Amino acid sequence: MTDNDFRIEDRKEREAKRPNYPLRRVKFLLAVVGFVASVTLMLTWHGGSLAGALVVEGVYLATALWLTVKFAPKYDGKDDNHA
């Protein structure tokens, strides 16, 4: 391969690894809406079926966990207390 072939392959690899930002925004929006809606339903639940309450709690737990994992600080293996 020539040097130009390597450049073409590198460009294709970089384009393939580009994050899909619109998809990320949609997933984040759905998680926030699901979280707020499930919290609202849990706090205002007046009765009804147990299955409905469990679904609402499941949505709450799933979205809360996803948002927590998404925004939790990343641990890079370095101790901040020691230089």
PDB file of N, CA and C in Angstrom:
ATOM      1  N   MET A   1       0.830  -1.192   0.000  1.00  0.00           N
ATOM      2  CA  MET A   1       0.000   0.000   0.000  1.00  0.00           C
ATOM      3  C   MET A   1       0.867   1.246   0.000  1.00  0.00           C
ATOM      4  N   THR A   2       0.338   2.234  -0.622  1.00  0.00           N
ATOM      5  CA  THR A   2       1.052   3.506  -0.625  1.00  0.00           C
ATOM      6  C   THR A   2       0.634   4.322   0.593  1.00  0.00           C
ATOM      7  N   ASP A   3       1.324   5.418   0.803  1.00  0.00           N
ATOM      8  CA  ASP A   3       1.003   6.303   1.923  1.00  0.00           C
ATOM      9  C   ASP A   3      -0.406   6.868   1.780  1.00  0.00           C
ATOM     10  N   ASN A   4      -0.808   7.123   0.546  1.00  0.00           N
ATOM     11  CA  ASN A   4      -2.149   7.666   0.307  1.00  0.00           C
ATOM     12  C   ASN A   4      -3.233   6.669   0.711  1.00  0.00           C
ATOM     13  N   ASP A   5      -2.985   5.376   0.501  1.00  0.00           N
ATOM     14  CA  ASP A   5      -3.951   4.352   0.895  1.00  0.00           C
ATOM     15  C   ASP A   5      -4.165   4.356   2.411  1.00  0.00           C
ATOM     16  N   PHE A   6      -3.083   4.528   3.156  1.00  0.00           N
ATOM     17  CA  PHE A   6      -3.214   4.581   4.607  1.00  0.00           C
ATOM     18  C   PHE A   6      -4.049   5.787   5.037  1.00  0.00           C
ATOM     19  N   ARG A   7      -3.842   6.915   4.399  1.00  0.00           N
ATOM     20  CA  ARG A   7      -4.612   8.111   4.748  1.00  0.00           C
ATOM     21  C   ARG A   7      -6.101   7.915   4.481  1.00  0.00           C
ATOM     22  N   ILE A   8      -6.421   7.257   3.377  1.00  0.00           N
ATOM     23  CA  ILE A   8      -7.825   7.004   3.042  1.00  0.00           C
ATOM     24  C   ILE A   8      -8.447   6.076   4.074  1.00  0.00           C
ATOM     25  N   GLU A   9      -7.732   5.024   4.471  1.00  0.00           N
ATOM     26  CA  GLU A   9      -8.259   4.098   5.470  1.00  0.00           C
ATOM     27  C   GLU A   9      -8.427   4.782   6.824  1.00  0.00           C
ATOM     28  N   ASP A  10      -7.468   5.620   7.213  1.00  0.00           N
ATOM     29  CA  ASP A  10      -7.569   6.337   8.482  1.00  0.00           C
ATOM     30  C   ASP A  10      -8.782   7.255   8.495  1.00  0.00           C
ATOM     31  N   ARG A  11      -9.032   7.939   7.389  1.00  0.00           N
ATOM     32  CA  ARG A  11     -10.178   8.843   7.322  1.00  0.00           C
ATOM     33  C   ARG A  11     -11.483   8.070   7.452  1.00  0.00           C
ATOM     34  N   LYS A  12     -11.574   6.901   6.825  1.00  0.00           N
ATOM     35  CA  LYS A  12     -12.782   6.083   6.922  1.00  0.00           C
ATOM     36  C   LYS A  12     -12.990   5.593   8.347  1.00  0.00           C
ATOM     37  N   GLU A  13     -11.915   5.219   9.029  1.00  0.00           N
ATOM     38  CA  GLU A  13     -12.040   4.750  10.412  1.00  0.00           C
ATOM     39  C   GLU A  13     -12.493   5.880  11.325  1.00  0.00           C
ATOM     40  N   ARG A  14     -11.967   7.074  11.133  1.00  0.00           N
ATOM     41  CA  ARG A  14     -12.367   8.214  11.961  1.00  0.00           C
ATOM     42  C   ARG A  14     -13.831   8.566  11.739  1.00  0.00           C
ATOM     43  N   GLU A  15     -14.287   8.510  10.500  1.00  0.00           N
ATOM     44  CA  GLU A  15     -15.683   8.812  10.202  1.00  0.00           C
ATOM     45  C   GLU A  15     -16.603   7.763  10.795  1.00  0.00           C
ATOM     46  N   ALA A  16     -16.178   6.515  10.834  1.00  0.00           N
ATOM     47  CA  ALA A  16     -17.009   5.446  11.370  1.00  0.00           C
ATOM     48  C   ALA A  16     -17.117   5.533  12.891  1.00  0.00           C
ATOM     49  N   LYS A  17     -16.145   6.109  13.562  1.00  0.00           N
ATOM     50  CA  LYS A  17     -16.139   6.171  15.015  1.00  0.00           C
ATOM     51  C   LYS A  17     -16.784   7.441  15.560  1.00  0.00           C
ATOM     52  N   ARG A  18     -17.288   8.300  14.706  1.00  0.00           N
ATOM     53  CA  ARG A  18     -17.903   9.550  15.148  1.00  0.00           C
ATOM     54  C   ARG A  18     -19.165   9.253  15.951  1.00  0.00           C
ATOM     55  N   PRO A  19     -19.299   9.840  17.123  1.00  0.00           N
ATOM     56  CA  PRO A  19     -20.499   9.584  17.938  1.00  0.00           C
ATOM     57  C   PRO A  19     -21.759  10.129  17.272  1.00  0.00           C
ATOM     58  N   ASN A  20     -22.859   9.463  17.512  1.00  0.00           N
ATOM     59  CA  ASN A  20     -24.144   9.866  16.964  1.00  0.00           C
ATOM     60  C   ASN A  20     -24.828  10.785  17.979  1.00  0.00           C
ATOM     61  N   TYR A  21     -24.553  12.077  17.885  1.00  0.00           N
ATOM     62  CA  TYR A  21     -25.060  13.029  18.865  1.00  0.00           C
ATOM     63  C   TYR A  21     -26.579  13.178  18.862  1.00  0.00           C
ATOM     64  N   PRO A  22     -27.245  13.201  17.726  1.00  0.00           N
ATOM     65  CA  PRO A  22     -28.714  13.283  17.777  1.00  0.00           C
ATOM     66  C   PRO A  22     -29.342  12.089  18.507  1.00  0.00           C
ATOM     67  N   LEU A  23     -28.796  10.896  18.301  1.00  0.00           N
ATOM     68  CA  LEU A  23     -29.308   9.717  18.997  1.00  0.00           C
ATOM     69  C   LEU A  23     -29.072   9.840  20.496  1.00  0.00           C
ATOM     70  N   ARG A  24     -27.908  10.344  20.884  1.00  0.00           N
ATOM     71  CA  ARG A  24     -27.622  10.558  22.306  1.00  0.00           C
ATOM     72  C   ARG A  24     -28.596  11.541  22.922  1.00  0.00           C
ATOM     73  N   ARG A  25     -28.890  12.617  22.205  1.00  0.00           N
ATOM     74  CA  ARG A  25     -29.826  13.618  22.723  1.00  0.00           C
ATOM     75  C   ARG A  25     -31.227  13.046  22.878  1.00  0.00           C
ATOM     76  N   VAL A  26     -31.659  12.238  21.922  1.00  0.00           N
ATOM     77  CA  VAL A  26     -32.992  11.635  21.984  1.00  0.00           C
ATOM     78  C   VAL A  26     -33.067  10.662  23.162  1.00  0.00           C
ATOM     79  N   LYS A  27     -32.039   9.833  23.345  1.00  0.00           N
ATOM     80  CA  LYS A  27     -32.046   8.901  24.470  1.00  0.00           C
ATOM     81  C   LYS A  27     -32.047   9.640  25.798  1.00  0.00           C
ATOM     82  N   PHE A  28     -31.280  10.706  25.892  1.00  0.00           N
ATOM     83  CA  PHE A  28     -31.248  11.491  27.121  1.00  0.00           C
ATOM     84  C   PHE A  28     -32.603  12.137  27.377  1.00  0.00           C
ATOM     85  N   LEU A  29     -33.209  12.686  26.340  1.00  0.00           N
ATOM     86  CA  LEU A  29     -34.525  13.311  26.487  1.00  0.00           C
ATOM     87  C   LEU A  29     -35.566  12.292  26.938  1.00  0.00           C
ATOM     88  N   LEU A  30     -35.560  11.106  26.349  1.00  0.00           N
ATOM     89  CA  LEU A  30     -36.502  10.066  26.754  1.00  0.00           C
ATOM     90  C   LEU A  30     -36.279   9.629  28.199  1.00  0.00           C
ATOM     91  N   ALA A  31     -35.023   9.531  28.611  1.00  0.00           N
ATOM     92  CA  ALA A  31     -34.740   9.142  29.991  1.00  0.00           C
ATOM     93  C   ALA A  31     -35.217  10.204  30.971  1.00  0.00           C
ATOM     94  N   VAL A  32     -34.997  11.476  30.653  1.00  0.00           N
ATOM     95  CA  VAL A  32     -35.444  12.548  31.547  1.00  0.00           C
ATOM     96  C   VAL A  32     -36.962  12.603  31.610  1.00  0.00           C
ATOM     97  N   VAL A  33     -37.624  12.487  30.476  1.00  0.00           N
ATOM     98  CA  VAL A  33     -39.096  12.513  30.461  1.00  0.00           C
ATOM     99  C   VAL A  33     -39.644  11.311  31.222  1.00  0.00           C
ATOM    100  N   GLY A  34     -39.079  10.146  31.007  1.00  0.00           N
ATOM    101  CA  GLY A  34     -39.530   8.964  31.741  1.00  0.00           C
ATOM    102  C   GLY A  34     -39.305   9.095  33.233  1.00  0.00           C
ATOM    103  N   PHE A  35     -38.173   9.663  33.600  1.00  0.00           N
ATOM    104  CA  PHE A  35     -37.858   9.848  35.018  1.00  0.00           C
ATOM    105  C   PHE A  35     -38.845  10.819  35.672  1.00  0.00           C
ATOM    106  N   VAL A  36     -39.070  11.952  35.050  1.00  0.00           N
ATOM    107  CA  VAL A  36     -39.975  12.959  35.624  1.00  0.00           C
ATOM    108  C   VAL A  36     -41.403  12.423  35.674  1.00  0.00           C
ATOM    109  N   ALA A  37     -41.837  11.767  34.608  1.00  0.00           N
ATOM    110  CA  ALA A  37     -43.196  11.228  34.584  1.00  0.00           C
ATOM    111  C   ALA A  37     -43.380  10.147  35.649  1.00  0.00           C
ATOM    112  N   SER A  38     -42.399   9.268  35.799  1.00  0.00           N
ATOM    113  CA  SER A  38     -42.539   8.203  36.789  1.00  0.00           C
ATOM    114  C   SER A  38     -42.480   8.752  38.213  1.00  0.00           C
ATOM    115  N   VAL A  39     -41.654   9.754  38.461  1.00  0.00           N
ATOM    116  CA  VAL A  39     -41.625  10.371  39.791  1.00  0.00           C
ATOM    117  C   VAL A  39     -42.964  11.036  40.088  1.00  0.00           C
ATOM    118  N   THR A  40     -43.503  11.732  39.114  1.00  0.00           N
ATOM    119  CA  THR A  40     -44.801  12.391  39.297  1.00  0.00           C
ATOM    120  C   THR A  40     -45.884  11.363  39.595  1.00  0.00           C
ATOM    121  N   LEU A  41     -45.922  10.277  38.850  1.00  0.00           N
ATOM    122  CA  LEU A  41     -46.921   9.238  39.093  1.00  0.00           C
ATOM    123  C   LEU A  41     -46.723   8.570  40.450  1.00  0.00           C
ATOM    124  N   MET A  42     -45.478   8.341  40.828  1.00  0.00           N
ATOM    125  CA  MET A  42     -45.237   7.701  42.120  1.00  0.00           C
ATOM    126  C   MET A  42     -45.687   8.594  43.269  1.00  0.00           C
ATOM    127  N   LEU A  43     -45.461   9.892  43.153  1.00  0.00           N
ATOM    128  CA  LEU A  43     -45.815  10.796  44.236  1.00  0.00           C
ATOM    129  C   LEU A  43     -47.309  11.102  44.290  1.00  0.00           C
ATOM    130  N   THR A  44     -48.003  10.907  43.187  1.00  0.00           N
ATOM    131  CA  THR A  44     -49.431  11.225  43.159  1.00  0.00           C
ATOM    132  C   THR A  44     -50.296   9.977  43.014  1.00  0.00           C
ATOM    133  N   TRP A  45     -49.740   8.798  43.220  1.00  0.00           N
ATOM    134  CA  TRP A  45     -50.468   7.546  43.015  1.00  0.00           C
ATOM    135  C   TRP A  45     -51.518   7.398  44.104  1.00  0.00           C
ATOM    136  N   HIS A  46     -52.776   7.210  43.702  1.00  0.00           N
ATOM    137  CA  HIS A  46     -53.870   7.103  44.659  1.00  0.00           C
ATOM    138  C   HIS A  46     -54.456   5.702  44.729  1.00  0.00           C
ATOM    139  N   GLY A  47     -53.904   4.800  44.065  1.00  0.00           N
ATOM    140  CA  GLY A  47     -54.448   3.442  44.095  1.00  0.00           C
ATOM    141  C   GLY A  47     -54.516   2.891  42.696  1.00  0.00           C
ATOM    142  N   GLY A  48     -55.276   1.867  42.535  1.00  0.00           N
ATOM    143  CA  GLY A  48     -55.381   1.218  41.236  1.00  0.00           C
ATOM    144  C   GLY A  48     -54.731  -0.146  41.301  1.00  0.00           C
ATOM    145  N   SER A  49     -54.220  -0.586  40.201  1.00  0.00           N
ATOM    146  CA  SER A  49     -53.657  -1.929  40.146  1.00  0.00           C
ATOM    147  C   SER A  49     -52.219  -1.956  40.653  1.00  0.00           C
ATOM    148  N   LEU A  50     -51.857  -3.068  41.219  1.00  0.00           N
ATOM    149  CA  LEU A  50     -50.484  -3.263  41.676  1.00  0.00           C
ATOM    150  C   LEU A  50     -49.545  -3.359  40.481  1.00  0.00           C
ATOM    151  N   ALA A  51     -50.011  -3.943  39.391  1.00  0.00           N
ATOM    152  CA  ALA A  51     -49.174  -4.084  38.200  1.00  0.00           C
ATOM    153  C   ALA A  51     -48.798  -2.703  37.649  1.00  0.00           C
ATOM    154  N   GLY A  52     -49.747  -1.777  37.635  1.00  0.00           N
ATOM    155  CA  GLY A  52     -49.443  -0.425  37.162  1.00  0.00           C
ATOM    156  C   GLY A  52     -48.427   0.268  38.045  1.00  0.00           C
ATOM    157  N   ALA A  53     -48.558   0.082  39.343  1.00  0.00           N
ATOM    158  CA  ALA A  53     -47.598   0.686  40.270  1.00  0.00           C
ATOM    159  C   ALA A  53     -46.209   0.096  40.070  1.00  0.00           C
ATOM    160  N   LEU A  54     -46.132  -1.201  39.829  1.00  0.00           N
ATOM    161  CA  LEU A  54     -44.827  -1.834  39.611  1.00  0.00           C
ATOM    162  C   LEU A  54     -44.188  -1.370  38.305  1.00  0.00           C
ATOM    163  N   VAL A  55     -44.989  -1.159  37.280  1.00  0.00           N
ATOM    164  CA  VAL A  55     -44.458  -0.645  36.011  1.00  0.00           C
ATOM    165  C   VAL A  55     -43.890   0.759  36.209  1.00  0.00           C
ATOM    166  N   VAL A  56     -44.629   1.601  36.927  1.00  0.00           N
ATOM    167  CA  VAL A  56     -44.162   2.963  37.177  1.00  0.00           C
ATOM    168  C   VAL A  56     -42.862   2.936  37.974  1.00  0.00           C
ATOM    169  N   GLU A  57     -42.792   2.092  38.992  1.00  0.00           N
ATOM    170  CA  GLU A  57     -41.568   1.995  39.786  1.00  0.00           C
ATOM    171  C   GLU A  57     -40.417   1.436  38.964  1.00  0.00           C
ATOM    172  N   GLY A  58     -40.710   0.495  38.068  1.00  0.00           N
ATOM    173  CA  GLY A  58     -39.666  -0.044  37.198  1.00  0.00           C
ATOM    174  C   GLY A  58     -39.098   1.007  36.264  1.00  0.00           C
ATOM    175  N   VAL A  59     -39.978   1.833  35.691  1.00  0.00           N
ATOM    176  CA  VAL A  59     -39.512   2.922  34.818  1.00  0.00           C
ATOM    177  C   VAL A  59     -38.671   3.907  35.614  1.00  0.00           C
ATOM    178  N   TYR A  60     -39.125   4.213  36.827  1.00  0.00           N
ATOM    179  CA  TYR A  60     -38.372   5.132  37.691  1.00  0.00           C
ATOM    180  C   TYR A  60     -36.981   4.583  37.982  1.00  0.00           C
ATOM    181  N   LEU A  61     -36.898   3.342  38.403  1.00  0.00           N
ATOM    182  CA  LEU A  61     -35.600   2.763  38.736  1.00  0.00           C
ATOM    183  C   LEU A  61     -34.683   2.663  37.516  1.00  0.00           C
ATOM    184  N   ALA A  62     -35.235   2.261  36.375  1.00  0.00           N
ATOM    185  CA  ALA A  62     -34.415   2.121  35.170  1.00  0.00           C
ATOM    186  C   ALA A  62     -33.861   3.465  34.709  1.00  0.00           C
ATOM    187  N   THR A  63     -34.707   4.489  34.683  1.00  0.00           N
ATOM    188  CA  THR A  63     -34.231   5.790  34.218  1.00  0.00           C
ATOM    189  C   THR A  63     -33.292   6.437  35.237  1.00  0.00           C
ATOM    190  N   ALA A  64     -33.573   6.266  36.525  1.00  0.00           N
ATOM    191  CA  ALA A  64     -32.684   6.822  37.544  1.00  0.00           C
ATOM    192  C   ALA A  64     -31.312   6.172  37.475  1.00  0.00           C
ATOM    193  N   LEU A  65     -31.279   4.868  37.304  1.00  0.00           N
ATOM    194  CA  LEU A  65     -29.998   4.162  37.200  1.00  0.00           C
ATOM    195  C   LEU A  65     -29.240   4.597  35.949  1.00  0.00           C
ATOM    196  N   TRP A  66     -29.934   4.704  34.827  1.00  0.00           N
ATOM    197  CA  TRP A  66     -29.274   5.105  33.589  1.00  0.00           C
ATOM    198  C   TRP A  66     -28.694   6.508  33.706  1.00  0.00           C
ATOM    199  N   LEU A  67     -29.471   7.442  34.261  1.00  0.00           N
ATOM    200  CA  LEU A  67     -28.978   8.810  34.411  1.00  0.00           C
ATOM    201  C   LEU A  67     -27.823   8.879  35.401  1.00  0.00           C
ATOM    202  N   THR A  68     -27.877   8.078  36.461  1.00  0.00           N
ATOM    203  CA  THR A  68     -26.788   8.056  37.434  1.00  0.00           C
ATOM    204  C   THR A  68     -25.506   7.547  36.798  1.00  0.00           C
ATOM    205  N   VAL A  69     -25.603   6.463  36.057  1.00  0.00           N
ATOM    206  CA  VAL A  69     -24.411   5.901  35.411  1.00  0.00           C
ATOM    207  C   VAL A  69     -23.876   6.867  34.355  1.00  0.00           C
ATOM    208  N   LYS A  70     -24.769   7.527  33.629  1.00  0.00           N
ATOM    209  CA  LYS A  70     -24.331   8.440  32.571  1.00  0.00           C
ATOM    210  C   LYS A  70     -23.573   9.639  33.125  1.00  0.00           C
ATOM    211  N   PHE A  71     -24.016  10.156  34.267  1.00  0.00           N
ATOM    212  CA  PHE A  71     -23.414  11.371  34.791  1.00  0.00           C
ATOM    213  C   PHE A  71     -22.520  11.150  35.995  1.00  0.00           C
ATOM    214  N   ALA A  72     -22.252   9.913  36.343  1.00  0.00           N
ATOM    215  CA  ALA A  72     -21.336   9.640  37.446  1.00  0.00           C
ATOM    216  C   ALA A  72     -19.922  10.033  37.031  1.00  0.00           C
ATOM    217  N   PRO A  73     -19.121  10.545  37.958  1.00  0.00           N
ATOM    218  CA  PRO A  73     -17.746  10.895  37.602  1.00  0.00           C
ATOM    219  C   PRO A  73     -16.967   9.641  37.213  1.00  0.00           C
ATOM    220  N   LYS A  74     -16.138   9.783  36.225  1.00  0.00           N
ATOM    221  CA  LYS A  74     -15.344   8.655  35.746  1.00  0.00           C
ATOM    222  C   LYS A  74     -14.123   8.479  36.640  1.00  0.00           C
ATOM    223  N   TYR A  75     -13.829   7.236  36.974  1.00  0.00           N
ATOM    224  CA  TYR A  75     -12.647   6.929  37.771  1.00  0.00           C
ATOM    225  C   TYR A  75     -11.542   6.510  36.817  1.00  0.00           C
ATOM    226  N   ASP A  76     -10.440   7.253  36.852  1.00  0.00           N
ATOM    227  CA  ASP A  76      -9.346   6.974  35.930  1.00  0.00           C
ATOM    228  C   ASP A  76      -8.229   6.156  36.564  1.00  0.00           C
ATOM    229  N   GLY A  77      -8.412   5.708  37.792  1.00  0.00           N
ATOM    230  CA  GLY A  77      -7.404   4.884  38.442  1.00  0.00           C
ATOM    231  C   GLY A  77      -6.374   5.666  39.225  1.00  0.00           C
ATOM    232  N   LYS A  78      -6.436   6.973  39.161  1.00  0.00           N
ATOM    233  CA  LYS A  78      -5.482   7.805  39.885  1.00  0.00           C
ATOM    234  C   LYS A  78      -6.117   8.275  41.188  1.00  0.00           C
ATOM    235  N   ASP A  79      -5.329   8.261  42.249  1.00  0.00           N
ATOM    236  CA  ASP A  79      -5.808   8.720  43.537  1.00  0.00           C
ATOM    237  C   ASP A  79      -5.642  10.238  43.604  1.00  0.00           C
ATOM    238  N   ASP A  80      -6.724  10.953  43.895  1.00  0.00           N
ATOM    239  CA  ASP A  80      -6.659  12.406  43.932  1.00  0.00           C
ATOM    240  C   ASP A  80      -5.941  12.944  45.174  1.00  0.00           C
ATOM    241  N   ASN A  81      -5.871  12.153  46.233  1.00  0.00           N
ATOM    242  CA  ASN A  81      -5.278  12.634  47.475  1.00  0.00           C
ATOM    243  C   ASN A  81      -3.759  12.637  47.453  1.00  0.00           C
ATOM    244  N   HIS A  82      -3.181  11.802  46.638  1.00  0.00           N
ATOM    245  CA  HIS A  82      -1.729  11.682  46.610  1.00  0.00           C
ATOM    246  C   HIS A  82      -1.185  12.191  45.276  1.00  0.00           C
ATOM    247  N   ALA A  83      -0.128  12.974  45.361  1.00  0.00           N
ATOM    248  CA  ALA A  83       0.455  13.535  44.140  1.00  0.00           C
ATOM    249  C   ALA A  83       1.414  12.586  43.472  1.00  0.00           C
TER     250      ALA A  83
END
